[in-house]
Amino acid sequence: MLMPQYVMIGGFLGAGKTTAILQLARLFRDQNRKVGLITNDQSFGLVDTTMLRSHGFATEEITGGCFCCRFGSLVEAAGKLTDDMQPDVFLAEPVGSCTDLRATVSYPLQQMYGDNYAVAPLSVVLDPIRTRQVLGLEKGKNFSAKVIYIFEKQLEEADILVINKCDLIDDAQQSELHTALESRFPSATVIRISAREGLGIDAWLSLITDKEQ
């Protein structure tokens, strides 16, 4: 029997992480796998938590700090979900400004709780228009140095780069962005999805589950 899988899905604000996570959770559920969700924000009373619970998913939220600062709370949330419903899969959504997730969350989970969870590759969800602008593929909003640093840091640590909202750009723009990401971040696997339309989610799930222990 496979141990529960711990799947963390990062990404900058506005990338559509929550919608993408909901689609992924539904697909896991369709495979008869029980899913527990963990949301995260600096504030309290998260809208994301309410929305995910409204779709029938057990959801714990961590507020007042990001996963990297609240690692103990993250483990406690997983423990509570385990006590309540024994998930086969945990889907964790860190706050949009969080970086260094591999060093501060994934690695400690593997080292300290490797007998409890199989830690999945780290996915980072991207807004295609913002990413094209940051990479210099098209003109647009000028981002501050701090925003660019956080954004690029998130991309650098990803195992899977998930281009979301592909319905917002044409095929040529998608291909150009895909190629640019593969060139800039060669260690990551790049995929394209549209969470709103439910496209590409099955390929994403396959990448996550291919490395299950």
Protein backbone atom coordinates (compact mmCIF):
# COMPACT_ATOMS: atom_id res chain seq x y z
CA MET A 1 0.00 0.00 0.00
CA LEU A 2 1.33 3.43 -0.98
CA MET A 3 1.97 5.90 1.79
CA PRO A 4 0.02 9.19 1.60
CA GLN A 5 1.43 11.60 -0.96
CA TYR A 6 2.25 15.19 0.01
CA VAL A 7 1.77 17.50 -2.99
CA MET A 8 2.74 21.16 -2.68
CA ILE A 9 1.62 23.62 -5.34
CA GLY A 10 3.13 27.10 -5.30
CA GLY A 11 2.83 30.10 -7.57
CA PHE A 12 2.58 33.85 -7.52
CA LEU A 13 -0.61 35.76 -6.70
CA GLY A 14 -3.17 35.58 -9.50
CA ALA A 15 -1.78 32.46 -11.14
CA GLY A 16 -5.02 30.55 -10.54
CA LYS A 17 -3.57 28.12 -8.00
CA THR A 18 -6.80 27.49 -6.10
CA THR A 19 -8.81 26.67 -9.22
CA ALA A 20 -5.99 24.43 -10.44
CA ILE A 21 -5.81 22.65 -7.08
CA LEU A 22 -9.57 22.13 -7.09
CA GLN A 23 -9.39 20.49 -10.52
CA LEU A 24 -6.49 18.30 -9.40
CA ALA A 25 -8.36 17.32 -6.23
CA ARG A 26 -11.40 16.34 -8.29
CA LEU A 27 -9.26 14.15 -10.52
CA PHE A 28 -7.70 12.41 -7.52
CA ARG A 29 -11.20 11.90 -6.10
CA ASP A 30 -12.34 10.40 -9.40
CA GLN A 31 -9.60 7.81 -8.87
CA ASN A 32 -11.17 6.96 -5.49
CA ARG A 33 -8.34 8.60 -3.59
CA LYS A 34 -9.22 10.59 -0.48
CA VAL A 35 -7.90 14.15 -0.62
CA GLY A 36 -7.09 16.53 2.22
CA LEU A 37 -6.32 20.17 1.43
CA ILE A 38 -4.17 22.67 3.32
CA THR A 39 -4.45 26.39 2.50
CA ASN A 40 -2.20 29.20 3.65
CA ASP A 41 -2.27 32.99 3.91
CA GLN A 42 -1.04 35.83 6.07
CA SER A 43 -4.64 36.81 6.94
CA PHE A 44 -7.49 34.93 8.60
CA GLY A 45 -10.80 33.55 7.30
CA LEU A 46 -9.54 32.49 3.87
CA VAL A 47 -11.94 32.66 0.94
CA ASP A 48 -10.00 29.80 -0.67
CA THR A 49 -10.72 27.55 2.30
CA THR A 50 -14.44 28.28 2.15
CA MET A 51 -14.55 27.63 -1.58
CA LEU A 52 -12.68 24.33 -1.37
CA ARG A 53 -14.82 23.11 1.52
CA SER A 54 -17.95 24.00 -0.45
CA HIS A 55 -16.87 21.42 -3.03
CA GLY A 56 -16.77 18.71 -0.38
CA PHE A 57 -13.05 18.60 0.40
CA ALA A 58 -11.72 18.41 3.95
CA THR A 59 -9.59 21.54 4.29
CA GLU A 60 -7.32 22.90 7.00
CA GLU A 61 -5.96 26.44 6.86
CA ILE A 62 -2.74 27.94 8.20
CA THR A 63 -2.88 31.68 8.77
CA GLY A 64 -0.60 34.35 10.16
CA GLY A 65 2.49 33.22 8.24
CA CYS A 66 3.70 31.18 5.30
CA PHE A 67 4.56 27.47 5.31
CA CYS A 68 8.27 28.15 5.61
CA CYS A 69 7.65 30.09 8.85
CA ARG A 70 4.90 27.79 10.14
CA PHE A 71 6.33 24.35 9.40
CA GLY A 72 5.07 23.00 12.71
CA SER A 73 1.55 24.20 11.89
CA LEU A 74 1.79 22.52 8.50
CA VAL A 75 2.63 19.19 10.11
CA GLU A 76 -0.16 19.68 12.66
CA ALA A 77 -2.68 20.39 9.88
CA ALA A 78 -1.66 17.19 8.10
CA GLY A 79 -1.99 15.31 11.39
CA LYS A 80 -5.49 16.65 11.96
CA LEU A 81 -6.58 15.66 8.46
CA THR A 82 -5.07 12.21 9.04
CA ASP A 83 -7.00 11.79 12.28
CA ASP A 84 -10.23 13.00 10.65
CA MET A 85 -10.25 11.16 7.33
CA GLN A 86 -6.95 9.38 6.52
CA PRO A 87 -6.19 11.09 3.17
CA ASP A 88 -4.37 9.28 0.39
CA VAL A 89 -3.22 12.66 -0.91
CA PHE A 90 -2.49 16.00 0.75
CA LEU A 91 -2.64 19.06 -1.52
CA ALA A 92 -0.94 22.06 0.08
CA GLU A 93 -1.21 25.60 -1.30
CA PRO A 94 1.38 28.03 0.15
CA VAL A 95 0.86 31.79 0.16
CA GLY A 96 1.64 33.44 -3.19
CA SER A 97 4.74 35.28 -1.98
CA CYS A 98 6.41 32.19 -0.48
CA THR A 99 9.82 31.03 -1.74
CA ASP A 100 12.45 28.45 -0.71
CA LEU A 101 9.73 25.84 -0.33
CA ARG A 102 12.03 23.00 -1.29
CA ALA A 103 14.57 23.85 1.43
CA THR A 104 12.15 24.88 4.17
CA VAL A 105 9.26 22.45 3.61
CA SER A 106 9.92 19.61 1.14
CA TYR A 107 13.36 18.66 2.47
CA PRO A 108 12.38 18.75 6.18
CA LEU A 109 9.28 16.67 5.41
CA GLN A 110 11.41 14.07 3.67
CA GLN A 111 14.03 14.01 6.42
CA MET A 112 11.75 14.17 9.46
CA TYR A 113 8.55 12.52 8.23
CA GLY A 114 9.70 10.38 5.33
CA ASP A 115 8.07 7.34 6.89
CA ASN A 116 4.70 9.12 6.94
CA TYR A 117 4.53 10.89 3.56
CA ALA A 118 5.83 10.49 0.03
CA VAL A 119 6.76 14.05 -0.95
CA ALA A 120 5.79 14.78 -4.55
CA PRO A 121 7.68 17.00 -7.00
CA LEU A 122 7.10 20.71 -6.34
CA SER A 123 4.70 22.30 -8.84
CA VAL A 124 4.60 26.05 -9.48
CA VAL A 125 1.57 27.45 -11.31
CA LEU A 126 2.13 30.40 -13.65
CA ASP A 127 0.00 33.12 -15.17
CA PRO A 128 1.11 33.11 -18.83
CA ILE A 129 0.76 36.83 -19.47
CA ARG A 130 2.71 37.88 -16.39
CA THR A 131 5.36 35.24 -17.07
CA ARG A 132 5.78 36.40 -20.67
CA GLN A 133 6.27 39.94 -19.40
CA VAL A 134 8.79 38.96 -16.72
CA LEU A 135 10.77 36.91 -19.25
CA GLY A 136 10.77 39.81 -21.72
CA LEU A 137 8.64 38.08 -24.34
CA GLU A 138 6.20 40.98 -24.46
CA LYS A 139 5.82 44.45 -23.08
CA GLY A 140 3.55 45.18 -20.18
CA LYS A 141 3.53 46.22 -16.56
CA ASN A 142 6.87 47.15 -14.99
CA PHE A 143 7.40 44.95 -11.94
CA SER A 144 9.46 45.96 -8.92
CA ALA A 145 12.81 44.28 -8.30
CA LYS A 146 11.32 42.55 -5.24
CA VAL A 147 8.42 41.07 -7.22
CA ILE A 148 10.74 39.86 -9.97
CA TYR A 149 13.08 38.29 -7.40
CA ILE A 150 10.24 36.36 -5.71
CA PHE A 151 8.75 35.33 -9.04
CA GLU A 152 12.01 34.04 -10.48
CA LYS A 153 12.94 32.34 -7.22
CA GLN A 154 9.69 30.38 -7.34
CA LEU A 155 10.42 29.26 -10.90
CA GLU A 156 14.00 28.25 -10.08
CA GLU A 157 12.97 25.80 -7.37
CA ALA A 158 10.10 24.15 -9.27
CA ASP A 159 10.20 20.55 -10.44
CA ILE A 160 7.10 21.13 -12.58
CA LEU A 161 6.27 24.50 -14.15
CA VAL A 162 2.54 24.62 -14.85
CA ILE A 163 1.52 27.25 -17.40
CA ASN A 164 -2.08 27.94 -16.43
CA LYS A 165 -4.75 30.05 -18.18
CA CYS A 166 -3.58 28.91 -21.61
CA ASP A 167 -6.98 29.93 -22.93
CA LEU A 168 -5.83 33.57 -22.56
CA ILE A 169 -3.02 33.38 -25.15
CA ASP A 170 -2.77 31.87 -28.63
CA ASP A 171 -0.85 28.74 -29.63
CA ALA A 172 2.19 30.65 -30.88
CA GLN A 173 2.47 32.58 -27.61
CA GLN A 174 2.07 29.37 -25.63
CA SER A 175 4.83 27.65 -27.61
CA GLU A 176 7.15 30.63 -27.27
CA LEU A 177 6.63 30.74 -23.51
CA HIS A 178 7.01 26.97 -23.18
CA THR A 179 10.33 27.04 -25.05
CA ALA A 180 11.60 30.03 -23.05
CA LEU A 181 10.84 28.31 -19.74
CA GLU A 182 12.52 25.08 -20.82
CA SER A 183 15.60 27.05 -21.86
CA ARG A 184 15.74 29.17 -18.71
CA PHE A 185 14.87 26.37 -16.25
CA PRO A 186 16.14 23.14 -17.87
CA SER A 187 15.76 21.02 -14.74
CA ALA A 188 11.99 21.57 -14.63
CA THR A 189 9.27 19.85 -16.63
CA VAL A 190 7.01 22.40 -18.35
CA ILE A 191 3.34 21.65 -19.00
CA ARG A 192 0.31 23.67 -20.11
CA ILE A 193 -3.15 23.64 -18.57
CA SER A 194 -6.33 25.64 -18.39
CA ALA A 195 -7.75 25.07 -14.92
CA ARG A 196 -10.88 27.03 -15.76
CA GLU A 197 -11.62 24.72 -18.71
CA GLY A 198 -10.24 21.59 -17.04
CA LEU A 199 -7.65 21.00 -19.76
CA GLY A 200 -4.28 19.34 -19.16
CA ILE A 201 -5.01 18.36 -15.55
CA ASP A 202 -4.66 14.64 -16.25
CA ALA A 203 -1.15 15.13 -17.68
CA TRP A 204 -0.20 17.15 -14.60
CA LEU A 205 -1.52 14.46 -12.27
CA SER A 206 0.52 11.85 -14.17
CA LEU A 207 3.72 13.84 -13.61
CA ILE A 208 2.96 14.03 -9.90
CA THR A 209 2.04 10.39 -9.42
CA ASP A 210 4.77 8.96 -11.67
CA LYS A 211 7.25 9.52 -8.83
CA GLU A 212 5.12 8.03 -6.04
CA GLN A 213 7.01 5.73 -3.73
